[in-house]
Amino acid sequence: MRKKQNIDKELEKEVKHFAQHLEALHEQQSTARGKILTDPANAEFLKECRERRAIAEALYQARTAANLTQAEVAARMNVSQPYIVKLERGQGSISWKVISRYAAACGKKAEITLL
């Protein structure tokens, strides 16, 4: 019983320490994130990230609108479910062929709109 109380006290101490430093850590991370997002040297990279994220979101929306699971889309495309996860997270580069196949697996057609 005494050992459990000591462990509980140690855990409580660690949690309090973490809570005290959490706000400072959050502030540091927010400042660093702000610098990255506003640095002109990162503008092109951030633009590409936003575009990739928009494509990923469109893929996700197509799948959920079709009431399909990631596994079902993967089976229809003859790829793995983890590959679908990567597509929907916007990870890596994605070809037009993959976008078209994904759309077809969801019963949709992919189109390009130039703005």
PDB file of N, CA and C in Angstrom:
ATOM      1  N   MET A   1       0.821  -1.190   0.000  1.00  0.00           N
ATOM      2  CA  MET A   1       0.000   0.000   0.000  1.00  0.00           C
ATOM      3  C   MET A   1       0.870   1.262   0.000  1.00  0.00           C
ATOM      4  N   ARG A   2       1.923   1.214   0.789  1.00  0.00           N
ATOM      5  CA  ARG A   2       2.825   2.364   0.890  1.00  0.00           C
ATOM      6  C   ARG A   2       3.517   2.623  -0.454  1.00  0.00           C
ATOM      7  N   LYS A   3       3.883   1.529  -1.147  1.00  0.00           N
ATOM      8  CA  LYS A   3       4.549   1.667  -2.442  1.00  0.00           C
ATOM      9  C   LYS A   3       3.608   2.324  -3.453  1.00  0.00           C
ATOM     10  N   LYS A   4       2.329   1.930  -3.429  1.00  0.00           N
ATOM     11  CA  LYS A   4       1.342   2.511  -4.337  1.00  0.00           C
ATOM     12  C   LYS A   4       1.176   4.006  -4.060  1.00  0.00           C
ATOM     13  N   GLN A   5       1.160   4.389  -2.795  1.00  0.00           N
ATOM     14  CA  GLN A   5       1.034   5.805  -2.443  1.00  0.00           C
ATOM     15  C   GLN A   5       2.227   6.605  -2.954  1.00  0.00           C
ATOM     16  N   ASN A   6       3.415   6.020  -2.855  1.00  0.00           N
ATOM     17  CA  ASN A   6       4.615   6.694  -3.365  1.00  0.00           C
ATOM     18  C   ASN A   6       4.544   6.874  -4.877  1.00  0.00           C
ATOM     19  N   ILE A   7       4.076   5.832  -5.560  1.00  0.00           N
ATOM     20  CA  ILE A   7       3.929   5.915  -7.020  1.00  0.00           C
ATOM     21  C   ILE A   7       2.905   6.981  -7.376  1.00  0.00           C
ATOM     22  N   ASP A   8       1.774   6.992  -6.656  1.00  0.00           N
ATOM     23  CA  ASP A   8       0.737   7.994  -6.908  1.00  0.00           C
ATOM     24  C   ASP A   8       1.273   9.410  -6.700  1.00  0.00           C
ATOM     25  N   LYS A   9       2.070   9.610  -5.656  1.00  0.00           N
ATOM     26  CA  LYS A   9       2.644  10.929  -5.386  1.00  0.00           C
ATOM     27  C   LYS A   9       3.614  11.335  -6.491  1.00  0.00           C
ATOM     28  N   GLU A  10       4.411  10.383  -6.950  1.00  0.00           N
ATOM     29  CA  GLU A  10       5.355  10.671  -8.038  1.00  0.00           C
ATOM     30  C   GLU A  10       4.608  11.048  -9.316  1.00  0.00           C
ATOM     31  N   LEU A  11       3.554  10.291  -9.622  1.00  0.00           N
ATOM     32  CA  LEU A  11       2.758  10.595 -10.818  1.00  0.00           C
ATOM     33  C   LEU A  11       2.103  11.967 -10.700  1.00  0.00           C
ATOM     34  N   GLU A  12       1.570  12.259  -9.538  1.00  0.00           N
ATOM     35  CA  GLU A  12       0.941  13.558  -9.316  1.00  0.00           C
ATOM     36  C   GLU A  12       1.956  14.683  -9.498  1.00  0.00           C
ATOM     37  N   LYS A  13       3.152  14.477  -8.995  1.00  0.00           N
ATOM     38  CA  LYS A  13       4.219  15.465  -9.129  1.00  0.00           C
ATOM     39  C   LYS A  13       4.570  15.679 -10.604  1.00  0.00           C
ATOM     40  N   GLU A  14       4.677  14.581 -11.361  1.00  0.00           N
ATOM     41  CA  GLU A  14       5.001  14.684 -12.790  1.00  0.00           C
ATOM     42  C   GLU A  14       3.901  15.394 -13.559  1.00  0.00           C
ATOM     43  N   VAL A  15       2.646  15.090 -13.235  1.00  0.00           N
ATOM     44  CA  VAL A  15       1.517  15.730 -13.917  1.00  0.00           C
ATOM     45  C   VAL A  15       1.507  17.230 -13.630  1.00  0.00           C
ATOM     46  N   LYS A  16       1.731  17.616 -12.391  1.00  0.00           N
ATOM     47  CA  LYS A  16       1.778  19.043 -12.044  1.00  0.00           C
ATOM     48  C   LYS A  16       2.906  19.750 -12.791  1.00  0.00           C
ATOM     49  N   HIS A  17       4.068  19.115 -12.841  1.00  0.00           N
ATOM     50  CA  HIS A  17       5.214  19.688 -13.551  1.00  0.00           C
ATOM     51  C   HIS A  17       4.876  19.867 -15.032  1.00  0.00           C
ATOM     52  N   PHE A  18       4.278  18.844 -15.619  1.00  0.00           N
ATOM     53  CA  PHE A  18       3.897  18.904 -17.030  1.00  0.00           C
ATOM     54  C   PHE A  18       2.907  20.037 -17.265  1.00  0.00           C
ATOM     55  N   ALA A  19       1.888  20.137 -16.413  1.00  0.00           N
ATOM     56  CA  ALA A  19       0.862  21.167 -16.566  1.00  0.00           C
ATOM     57  C   ALA A  19       1.461  22.563 -16.459  1.00  0.00           C
ATOM     58  N   GLN A  20       2.416  22.740 -15.554  1.00  0.00           N
ATOM     59  CA  GLN A  20       3.040  24.049 -15.377  1.00  0.00           C
ATOM     60  C   GLN A  20       3.832  24.465 -16.612  1.00  0.00           C
ATOM     61  N   HIS A  21       4.422  23.512 -17.280  1.00  0.00           N
ATOM     62  CA  HIS A  21       5.269  23.824 -18.426  1.00  0.00           C
ATOM     63  C   HIS A  21       4.534  23.721 -19.767  1.00  0.00           C
ATOM     64  N   LEU A  22       3.329  23.210 -19.743  1.00  0.00           N
ATOM     65  CA  LEU A  22       2.572  23.028 -20.976  1.00  0.00           C
ATOM     66  C   LEU A  22       2.273  24.355 -21.666  1.00  0.00           C
ATOM     67  N   GLU A  23       1.868  25.343 -20.899  1.00  0.00           N
ATOM     68  CA  GLU A  23       1.534  26.635 -21.493  1.00  0.00           C
ATOM     69  C   GLU A  23       2.756  27.279 -22.148  1.00  0.00           C
ATOM     70  N   ALA A  24       3.895  27.204 -21.486  1.00  0.00           N
ATOM     71  CA  ALA A  24       5.125  27.768 -22.054  1.00  0.00           C
ATOM     72  C   ALA A  24       5.517  27.023 -23.325  1.00  0.00           C
ATOM     73  N   LEU A  25       5.379  25.720 -23.308  1.00  0.00           N
ATOM     74  CA  LEU A  25       5.692  24.916 -24.488  1.00  0.00           C
ATOM     75  C   LEU A  25       4.759  25.273 -25.643  1.00  0.00           C
ATOM     76  N   HIS A  26       3.481  25.431 -25.332  1.00  0.00           N
ATOM     77  CA  HIS A  26       2.506  25.806 -26.358  1.00  0.00           C
ATOM     78  C   HIS A  26       2.871  27.159 -26.973  1.00  0.00           C
ATOM     79  N   GLU A  27       3.261  28.092 -26.152  1.00  0.00           N
ATOM     80  CA  GLU A  27       3.652  29.423 -26.637  1.00  0.00           C
ATOM     81  C   GLU A  27       4.875  29.344 -27.547  1.00  0.00           C
ATOM     82  N   GLN A  28       5.863  28.547 -27.160  1.00  0.00           N
ATOM     83  CA  GLN A  28       7.065  28.372 -27.982  1.00  0.00           C
ATOM     84  C   GLN A  28       6.709  27.768 -29.337  1.00  0.00           C
ATOM     85  N   GLN A  29       5.857  26.749 -29.312  1.00  0.00           N
ATOM     86  CA  GLN A  29       5.475  26.092 -30.561  1.00  0.00           C
ATOM     87  C   GLN A  29       4.662  27.025 -31.447  1.00  0.00           C
ATOM     88  N   SER A  30       3.771  27.798 -30.856  1.00  0.00           N
ATOM     89  CA  SER A  30       2.970  28.749 -31.628  1.00  0.00           C
ATOM     90  C   SER A  30       3.847  29.804 -32.289  1.00  0.00           C
ATOM     91  N   THR A  31       4.830  30.297 -31.562  1.00  0.00           N
ATOM     92  CA  THR A  31       5.757  31.288 -32.110  1.00  0.00           C
ATOM     93  C   THR A  31       6.552  30.695 -33.267  1.00  0.00           C
ATOM     94  N   ALA A  32       7.067  29.496 -33.078  1.00  0.00           N
ATOM     95  CA  ALA A  32       7.843  28.833 -34.132  1.00  0.00           C
ATOM     96  C   ALA A  32       6.971  28.580 -35.358  1.00  0.00           C
ATOM     97  N   ARG A  33       5.727  28.126 -35.148  1.00  0.00           N
ATOM     98  CA  ARG A  33       4.808  27.858 -36.252  1.00  0.00           C
ATOM     99  C   ARG A  33       4.516  29.145 -37.014  1.00  0.00           C
ATOM    100  N   GLY A  34       4.308  30.241 -36.276  1.00  0.00           N
ATOM    101  CA  GLY A  34       4.044  31.526 -36.909  1.00  0.00           C
ATOM    102  C   GLY A  34       5.195  31.983 -37.783  1.00  0.00           C
ATOM    103  N   LYS A  35       6.419  31.785 -37.318  1.00  0.00           N
ATOM    104  CA  LYS A  35       7.596  32.167 -38.107  1.00  0.00           C
ATOM    105  C   LYS A  35       7.679  31.351 -39.395  1.00  0.00           C
ATOM    106  N   ILE A  36       7.409  30.075 -39.297  1.00  0.00           N
ATOM    107  CA  ILE A  36       7.456  29.199 -40.478  1.00  0.00           C
ATOM    108  C   ILE A  36       6.391  29.614 -41.485  1.00  0.00           C
ATOM    109  N   LEU A  37       5.178  29.872 -41.000  1.00  0.00           N
ATOM    110  CA  LEU A  37       4.064  30.191 -41.890  1.00  0.00           C
ATOM    111  C   LEU A  37       4.184  31.556 -42.550  1.00  0.00           C
ATOM    112  N   THR A  38       4.931  32.469 -41.944  1.00  0.00           N
ATOM    113  CA  THR A  38       5.050  33.815 -42.516  1.00  0.00           C
ATOM    114  C   THR A  38       6.371  34.065 -43.222  1.00  0.00           C
ATOM    115  N   ASP A  39       7.281  33.123 -43.172  1.00  0.00           N
ATOM    116  CA  ASP A  39       8.585  33.276 -43.821  1.00  0.00           C
ATOM    117  C   ASP A  39       8.405  33.168 -45.336  1.00  0.00           C
ATOM    118  N   PRO A  40       8.753  34.213 -46.094  1.00  0.00           N
ATOM    119  CA  PRO A  40       8.602  34.181 -47.551  1.00  0.00           C
ATOM    120  C   PRO A  40       9.340  33.013 -48.211  1.00  0.00           C
ATOM    121  N   ALA A  41      10.399  32.543 -47.591  1.00  0.00           N
ATOM    122  CA  ALA A  41      11.153  31.421 -48.155  1.00  0.00           C
ATOM    123  C   ALA A  41      10.325  30.139 -48.178  1.00  0.00           C
ATOM    124  N   ASN A  42       9.284  30.078 -47.363  1.00  0.00           N
ATOM    125  CA  ASN A  42       8.447  28.878 -47.293  1.00  0.00           C
ATOM    126  C   ASN A  42       7.169  28.993 -48.116  1.00  0.00           C
ATOM    127  N   ALA A  43       6.958  30.114 -48.780  1.00  0.00           N
ATOM    128  CA  ALA A  43       5.693  30.378 -49.468  1.00  0.00           C
ATOM    129  C   ALA A  43       5.338  29.300 -50.491  1.00  0.00           C
ATOM    130  N   GLU A  44       6.273  28.926 -51.332  1.00  0.00           N
ATOM    131  CA  GLU A  44       5.991  27.930 -52.373  1.00  0.00           C
ATOM    132  C   GLU A  44       5.673  26.569 -51.759  1.00  0.00           C
ATOM    133  N   PHE A  45       6.451  26.182 -50.771  1.00  0.00           N
ATOM    134  CA  PHE A  45       6.214  24.904 -50.095  1.00  0.00           C
ATOM    135  C   PHE A  45       4.835  24.880 -49.433  1.00  0.00           C
ATOM    136  N   LEU A  46       4.471  25.971 -48.767  1.00  0.00           N
ATOM    137  CA  LEU A  46       3.174  26.035 -48.103  1.00  0.00           C
ATOM    138  C   LEU A  46       2.032  26.004 -49.111  1.00  0.00           C
ATOM    139  N   LYS A  47       2.230  26.643 -50.258  1.00  0.00           N
ATOM    140  CA  LYS A  47       1.218  26.610 -51.319  1.00  0.00           C
ATOM    141  C   LYS A  47       1.013  25.175 -51.794  1.00  0.00           C
ATOM    142  N   GLU A  48       2.101  24.454 -52.006  1.00  0.00           N
ATOM    143  CA  GLU A  48       2.008  23.056 -52.428  1.00  0.00           C
ATOM    144  C   GLU A  48       1.311  22.207 -51.367  1.00  0.00           C
ATOM    145  N   CYS A  49       1.606  22.472 -50.115  1.00  0.00           N
ATOM    146  CA  CYS A  49       0.961  21.732 -49.018  1.00  0.00           C
ATOM    147  C   CYS A  49      -0.544  21.973 -49.009  1.00  0.00           C
ATOM    148  N   ARG A  50      -0.951  23.228 -49.202  1.00  0.00           N
ATOM    149  CA  ARG A  50      -2.383  23.553 -49.228  1.00  0.00           C
ATOM    150  C   ARG A  50      -3.077  22.873 -50.404  1.00  0.00           C
ATOM    151  N   GLU A  51      -2.421  22.868 -51.557  1.00  0.00           N
ATOM    152  CA  GLU A  51      -3.001  22.219 -52.732  1.00  0.00           C
ATOM    153  C   GLU A  51      -3.131  20.716 -52.517  1.00  0.00           C
ATOM    154  N   ARG A  52      -2.092  20.117 -51.961  1.00  0.00           N
ATOM    155  CA  ARG A  52      -2.115  18.682 -51.683  1.00  0.00           C
ATOM    156  C   ARG A  52      -3.220  18.362 -50.668  1.00  0.00           C
ATOM    157  N   ARG A  53      -3.372  19.231 -49.678  1.00  0.00           N
ATOM    158  CA  ARG A  53      -4.409  19.037 -48.658  1.00  0.00           C
ATOM    159  C   ARG A  53      -5.796  19.159 -49.277  1.00  0.00           C
ATOM    160  N   ALA A  54      -5.975  20.077 -50.220  1.00  0.00           N
ATOM    161  CA  ALA A  54      -7.271  20.241 -50.884  1.00  0.00           C
ATOM    162  C   ALA A  54      -7.626  18.996 -51.687  1.00  0.00           C
ATOM    163  N   ILE A  55      -6.646  18.418 -52.363  1.00  0.00           N
ATOM    164  CA  ILE A  55      -6.878  17.181 -53.115  1.00  0.00           C
ATOM    165  C   ILE A  55      -7.239  16.054 -52.154  1.00  0.00           C
ATOM    166  N   ALA A  56      -6.492  15.942 -51.071  1.00  0.00           N
ATOM    167  CA  ALA A  56      -6.762  14.896 -50.079  1.00  0.00           C
ATOM    168  C   ALA A  56      -8.174  15.036 -49.519  1.00  0.00           C
ATOM    169  N   GLU A  57      -8.577  16.261 -49.230  1.00  0.00           N
ATOM    170  CA  GLU A  57      -9.922  16.504 -48.699  1.00  0.00           C
ATOM    171  C   GLU A  57     -10.987  16.129 -49.723  1.00  0.00           C
ATOM    172  N   ALA A  58     -10.743  16.437 -51.004  1.00  0.00           N
ATOM    173  CA  ALA A  58     -11.699  16.073 -52.057  1.00  0.00           C
ATOM    174  C   ALA A  58     -11.832  14.554 -52.169  1.00  0.00           C
ATOM    175  N   LEU A  59     -10.720  13.842 -52.045  1.00  0.00           N
ATOM    176  CA  LEU A  59     -10.772  12.379 -52.088  1.00  0.00           C
ATOM    177  C   LEU A  59     -11.588  11.844 -50.918  1.00  0.00           C
ATOM    178  N   TYR A  60     -11.310  12.349 -49.745  1.00  0.00           N
ATOM    179  CA  TYR A  60     -12.045  11.916 -48.549  1.00  0.00           C
ATOM    180  C   TYR A  60     -13.543  12.190 -48.710  1.00  0.00           C
ATOM    181  N   GLN A  61     -13.888  13.392 -49.178  1.00  0.00           N
ATOM    182  CA  GLN A  61     -15.297  13.752 -49.358  1.00  0.00           C
ATOM    183  C   GLN A  61     -15.984  12.835 -50.370  1.00  0.00           C
ATOM    184  N   ALA A  62     -15.279  12.492 -51.447  1.00  0.00           N
ATOM    185  CA  ALA A  62     -15.851  11.590 -52.453  1.00  0.00           C
ATOM    186  C   ALA A  62     -16.134  10.221 -51.849  1.00  0.00           C
ATOM    187  N   ARG A  63     -15.194   9.719 -51.059  1.00  0.00           N
ATOM    188  CA  ARG A  63     -15.371   8.394 -50.444  1.00  0.00           C
ATOM    189  C   ARG A  63     -16.523   8.389 -49.453  1.00  0.00           C
ATOM    190  N   THR A  64     -16.568   9.392 -48.583  1.00  0.00           N
ATOM    191  CA  THR A  64     -17.631   9.408 -47.574  1.00  0.00           C
ATOM    192  C   THR A  64     -18.999   9.664 -48.203  1.00  0.00           C
ATOM    193  N   ALA A  65     -19.051  10.468 -49.264  1.00  0.00           N
ATOM    194  CA  ALA A  65     -20.319  10.700 -49.961  1.00  0.00           C
ATOM    195  C   ALA A  65     -20.836   9.416 -50.600  1.00  0.00           C
ATOM    196  N   ALA A  66     -19.914   8.541 -50.997  1.00  0.00           N
ATOM    197  CA  ALA A  66     -20.285   7.260 -51.601  1.00  0.00           C
ATOM    198  C   ALA A  66     -20.532   6.183 -50.536  1.00  0.00           C
ATOM    199  N   ASN A  67     -20.420   6.559 -49.263  1.00  0.00           N
ATOM    200  CA  ASN A  67     -20.597   5.613 -48.149  1.00  0.00           C
ATOM    201  C   ASN A  67     -19.686   4.403 -48.266  1.00  0.00           C
ATOM    202  N   LEU A  68     -18.439   4.664 -48.604  1.00  0.00           N
ATOM    203  CA  LEU A  68     -17.454   3.592 -48.736  1.00  0.00           C
ATOM    204  C   LEU A  68     -16.417   3.702 -47.628  1.00  0.00           C
ATOM    205  N   THR A  69     -15.865   2.569 -47.248  1.00  0.00           N
ATOM    206  CA  THR A  69     -14.753   2.560 -46.305  1.00  0.00           C
ATOM    207  C   THR A  69     -13.457   2.676 -47.096  1.00  0.00           C
ATOM    208  N   GLN A  70     -12.397   2.971 -46.391  1.00  0.00           N
ATOM    209  CA  GLN A  70     -11.088   3.004 -47.045  1.00  0.00           C
ATOM    210  C   GLN A  70     -10.757   1.632 -47.620  1.00  0.00           C
ATOM    211  N   ALA A  71     -11.108   0.586 -46.899  1.00  0.00           N
ATOM    212  CA  ALA A  71     -10.832  -0.776 -47.370  1.00  0.00           C
ATOM    213  C   ALA A  71     -11.587  -1.076 -48.660  1.00  0.00           C
ATOM    214  N   GLU A  72     -12.818  -0.592 -48.766  1.00  0.00           N
ATOM    215  CA  GLU A  72     -13.603  -0.828 -49.985  1.00  0.00           C
ATOM    216  C   GLU A  72     -13.001  -0.092 -51.181  1.00  0.00           C
ATOM    217  N   VAL A  73     -12.588   1.143 -50.974  1.00  0.00           N
ATOM    218  CA  VAL A  73     -11.944   1.898 -52.059  1.00  0.00           C
ATOM    219  C   VAL A  73     -10.643   1.214 -52.454  1.00  0.00           C
ATOM    220  N   ALA A  74      -9.879   0.778 -51.468  1.00  0.00           N
ATOM    221  CA  ALA A  74      -8.616   0.085 -51.743  1.00  0.00           C
ATOM    222  C   ALA A  74      -8.858  -1.166 -52.576  1.00  0.00           C
ATOM    223  N   ALA A  75      -9.869  -1.934 -52.219  1.00  0.00           N
ATOM    224  CA  ALA A  75     -10.174  -3.161 -52.966  1.00  0.00           C
ATOM    225  C   ALA A  75     -10.567  -2.829 -54.403  1.00  0.00           C
ATOM    226  N   ARG A  76     -11.357  -1.796 -54.585  1.00  0.00           N
ATOM    227  CA  ARG A  76     -11.780  -1.401 -55.932  1.00  0.00           C
ATOM    228  C   ARG A  76     -10.614  -0.899 -56.772  1.00  0.00           C
ATOM    229  N   MET A  77      -9.615  -0.312 -56.114  1.00  0.00           N
ATOM    230  CA  MET A  77      -8.437   0.195 -56.829  1.00  0.00           C
ATOM    231  C   MET A  77      -7.322  -0.842 -56.906  1.00  0.00           C
ATOM    232  N   ASN A  78      -7.502  -1.944 -56.201  1.00  0.00           N
ATOM    233  CA  ASN A  78      -6.479  -2.996 -56.120  1.00  0.00           C
ATOM    234  C   ASN A  78      -5.178  -2.466 -55.508  1.00  0.00           C
ATOM    235  N   VAL A  79      -5.346  -1.731 -54.409  1.00  0.00           N
ATOM    236  CA  VAL A  79      -4.216  -1.210 -53.635  1.00  0.00           C
ATOM    237  C   VAL A  79      -4.477  -1.534 -52.164  1.00  0.00           C
ATOM    238  N   SER A  80      -3.531  -1.195 -51.305  1.00  0.00           N
ATOM    239  CA  SER A  80      -3.700  -1.464 -49.877  1.00  0.00           C
ATOM    240  C   SER A  80      -4.487  -0.341 -49.195  1.00  0.00           C
ATOM    241  N   GLN A  81      -5.123  -0.675 -48.090  1.00  0.00           N
ATOM    242  CA  GLN A  81      -5.845   0.324 -47.313  1.00  0.00           C
ATOM    243  C   GLN A  81      -4.892   1.385 -46.758  1.00  0.00           C
ATOM    244  N   PRO A  82      -3.680   1.023 -46.293  1.00  0.00           N
ATOM    245  CA  PRO A  82      -2.748   2.071 -45.846  1.00  0.00           C
ATOM    246  C   PRO A  82      -2.390   3.070 -46.959  1.00  0.00           C
ATOM    247  N   TYR A  83      -2.403   2.629 -48.205  1.00  0.00           N
ATOM    248  CA  TYR A  83      -2.152   3.536 -49.327  1.00  0.00           C
ATOM    249  C   TYR A  83      -3.274   4.576 -49.415  1.00  0.00           C
ATOM    250  N   ILE A  84      -4.513   4.131 -49.200  1.00  0.00           N
ATOM    251  CA  ILE A  84      -5.654   5.050 -49.216  1.00  0.00           C
ATOM    252  C   ILE A  84      -5.516   6.063 -48.080  1.00  0.00           C
ATOM    253  N   VAL A  85      -5.067   5.609 -46.920  1.00  0.00           N
ATOM    254  CA  VAL A  85      -4.834   6.512 -45.787  1.00  0.00           C
ATOM    255  C   VAL A  85      -3.849   7.601 -46.195  1.00  0.00           C
ATOM    256  N   LYS A  86      -2.745   7.222 -46.843  1.00  0.00           N
ATOM    257  CA  LYS A  86      -1.745   8.204 -47.277  1.00  0.00           C
ATOM    258  C   LYS A  86      -2.347   9.209 -48.258  1.00  0.00           C
ATOM    259  N   LEU A  87      -3.162   8.718 -49.192  1.00  0.00           N
ATOM    260  CA  LEU A  87      -3.791   9.621 -50.154  1.00  0.00           C
ATOM    261  C   LEU A  87      -4.688  10.626 -49.440  1.00  0.00           C
ATOM    262  N   GLU A  88      -5.493  10.129 -48.505  1.00  0.00           N
ATOM    263  CA  GLU A  88      -6.445  10.991 -47.814  1.00  0.00           C
ATOM    264  C   GLU A  88      -5.776  11.935 -46.816  1.00  0.00           C
ATOM    265  N   ARG A  89      -4.535  11.686 -46.498  1.00  0.00           N
ATOM    266  CA  ARG A  89      -3.782  12.591 -45.619  1.00  0.00           C
ATOM    267  C   ARG A  89      -2.922  13.560 -46.422  1.00  0.00           C
ATOM    268  N   GLY A  90      -2.919  13.395 -47.738  1.00  0.00           N
ATOM    269  CA  GLY A  90      -2.124  14.281 -48.584  1.00  0.00           C
ATOM    270  C   GLY A  90      -0.642  14.023 -48.491  1.00  0.00           C
ATOM    271  N   GLN A  91      -0.274  12.806 -48.174  1.00  0.00           N
ATOM    272  CA  GLN A  91       1.142  12.465 -48.024  1.00  0.00           C
ATOM    273  C   GLN A  91       1.723  12.015 -49.353  1.00  0.00           C
ATOM    274  N   GLY A  92       2.864  12.556 -49.684  1.00  0.00           N
ATOM    275  CA  GLY A  92       3.525  12.194 -50.932  1.00  0.00           C
ATOM    276  C   GLY A  92       2.888  12.889 -52.118  1.00  0.00           C
ATOM    277  N   SER A  93       3.422  12.604 -53.286  1.00  0.00           N
ATOM    278  CA  SER A  93       2.843  13.186 -54.497  1.00  0.00           C
ATOM    279  C   SER A  93       1.794  12.220 -55.039  1.00  0.00           C
ATOM    280  N   ILE A  94       0.850  12.762 -55.781  1.00  0.00           N
ATOM    281  CA  ILE A  94      -0.241  11.953 -56.308  1.00  0.00           C
ATOM    282  C   ILE A  94      -0.408  12.274 -57.787  1.00  0.00           C
ATOM    283  N   SER A  95      -0.545  11.248 -58.583  1.00  0.00           N
ATOM    284  CA  SER A  95      -0.670  11.444 -60.029  1.00  0.00           C
ATOM    285  C   SER A  95      -2.139  11.612 -60.423  1.00  0.00           C
ATOM    286  N   TRP A  96      -2.327  12.157 -61.616  1.00  0.00           N
ATOM    287  CA  TRP A  96      -3.679  12.301 -62.152  1.00  0.00           C
ATOM    288  C   TRP A  96      -4.319  10.926 -62.320  1.00  0.00           C
ATOM    289  N   LYS A  97      -3.529   9.941 -62.715  1.00  0.00           N
ATOM    290  CA  LYS A  97      -4.048   8.579 -62.892  1.00  0.00           C
ATOM    291  C   LYS A  97      -4.623   8.046 -61.576  1.00  0.00           C
ATOM    292  N   VAL A  98      -3.918   8.260 -60.489  1.00  0.00           N
ATOM    293  CA  VAL A  98      -4.394   7.795 -59.180  1.00  0.00           C
ATOM    294  C   VAL A  98      -5.671   8.538 -58.785  1.00  0.00           C
ATOM    295  N   ILE A  99      -5.712   9.839 -59.009  1.00  0.00           N
ATOM    296  CA  ILE A  99      -6.919  10.613 -58.694  1.00  0.00           C
ATOM    297  C   ILE A  99      -8.101  10.079 -59.495  1.00  0.00           C
ATOM    298  N   SER A 100      -7.896   9.814 -60.770  1.00  0.00           N
ATOM    299  CA  SER A 100      -8.964   9.298 -61.630  1.00  0.00           C
ATOM    300  C   SER A 100      -9.443   7.931 -61.169  1.00  0.00           C
ATOM    301  N   ARG A 101      -8.510   7.064 -60.820  1.00  0.00           N
ATOM    302  CA  ARG A 101      -8.875   5.722 -60.340  1.00  0.00           C
ATOM    303  C   ARG A 101      -9.633   5.800 -59.018  1.00  0.00           C
ATOM    304  N   TYR A 102      -9.191   6.678 -58.140  1.00  0.00           N
ATOM    305  CA  TYR A 102      -9.862   6.858 -56.852  1.00  0.00           C
ATOM    306  C   TYR A 102     -11.293   7.347 -57.084  1.00  0.00           C
ATOM    307  N   ALA A 103     -11.437   8.352 -57.946  1.00  0.00           N
ATOM    308  CA  ALA A 103     -12.766   8.887 -58.251  1.00  0.00           C
ATOM    309  C   ALA A 103     -13.668   7.792 -58.810  1.00  0.00           C
ATOM    310  N   ALA A 104     -13.151   7.003 -59.744  1.00  0.00           N
ATOM    311  CA  ALA A 104     -13.935   5.913 -60.333  1.00  0.00           C
ATOM    312  C   ALA A 104     -14.334   4.890 -59.272  1.00  0.00           C
ATOM    313  N   ALA A 105     -13.443   4.599 -58.346  1.00  0.00           N
ATOM    314  CA  ALA A 105     -13.746   3.653 -57.266  1.00  0.00           C
ATOM    315  C   ALA A 105     -14.889   4.163 -56.396  1.00  0.00           C
ATOM    316  N   CYS A 106     -15.057   5.483 -56.359  1.00  0.00           N
ATOM    317  CA  CYS A 106     -16.131   6.101 -55.576  1.00  0.00           C
ATOM    318  C   CYS A 106     -17.366   6.382 -56.431  1.00  0.00           C
ATOM    319  N   GLY A 107     -17.343   5.929 -57.688  1.00  0.00           N
ATOM    320  CA  GLY A 107     -18.473   6.161 -58.580  1.00  0.00           C
ATOM    321  C   GLY A 107     -18.536   7.583 -59.096  1.00  0.00           C
ATOM    322  N   LYS A 108     -17.400   8.228 -59.147  1.00  0.00           N
ATOM    323  CA  LYS A 108     -17.340   9.620 -59.591  1.00  0.00           C
ATOM    324  C   LYS A 108     -16.369   9.767 -60.758  1.00  0.00           C
ATOM    325  N   LYS A 109     -16.323  10.955 -61.309  1.00  0.00           N
ATOM    326  CA  LYS A 109     -15.408  11.278 -62.396  1.00  0.00           C
ATOM    327  C   LYS A 109     -14.567  12.471 -61.959  1.00  0.00           C
ATOM    328  N   ALA A 110     -13.280  12.397 -62.190  1.00  0.00           N
ATOM    329  CA  ALA A 110     -12.384  13.502 -61.830  1.00  0.00           C
ATOM    330  C   ALA A 110     -12.292  14.487 -62.986  1.00  0.00           C
ATOM    331  N   GLU A 111     -12.300  15.768 -62.654  1.00  0.00           N
ATOM    332  CA  GLU A 111     -12.148  16.823 -63.648  1.00  0.00           C
ATOM    333  C   GLU A 111     -11.162  17.852 -63.122  1.00  0.00           C
ATOM    334  N   ILE A 112     -10.528  18.551 -64.041  1.00  0.00           N
ATOM    335  CA  ILE A 112      -9.614  19.631 -63.667  1.00  0.00           C
ATOM    336  C   ILE A 112     -10.283  20.951 -64.010  1.00  0.00           C
ATOM    337  N   THR A 113     -10.218  21.875 -63.078  1.00  0.00           N
ATOM    338  CA  THR A 113     -10.703  23.228 -63.324  1.00  0.00           C
ATOM    339  C   THR A 113      -9.519  24.172 -63.175  1.00  0.00           C
ATOM    340  N   LEU A 114      -9.244  24.928 -64.212  1.00  0.00           N
ATOM    341  CA  LEU A 114      -8.165  25.912 -64.154  1.00  0.00           C
ATOM    342  C   LEU A 114      -8.760  27.242 -63.724  1.00  0.00           C
ATOM    343  N   LEU A 115      -8.161  27.823 -62.712  1.00  0.00           N
ATOM    344  CA  LEU A 115      -8.672  29.099 -62.191  1.00  0.00           C
ATOM    345  C   LEU A 115      -7.750  30.234 -62.563  1.00  0.00           C
TER     346      LEU A 115
END
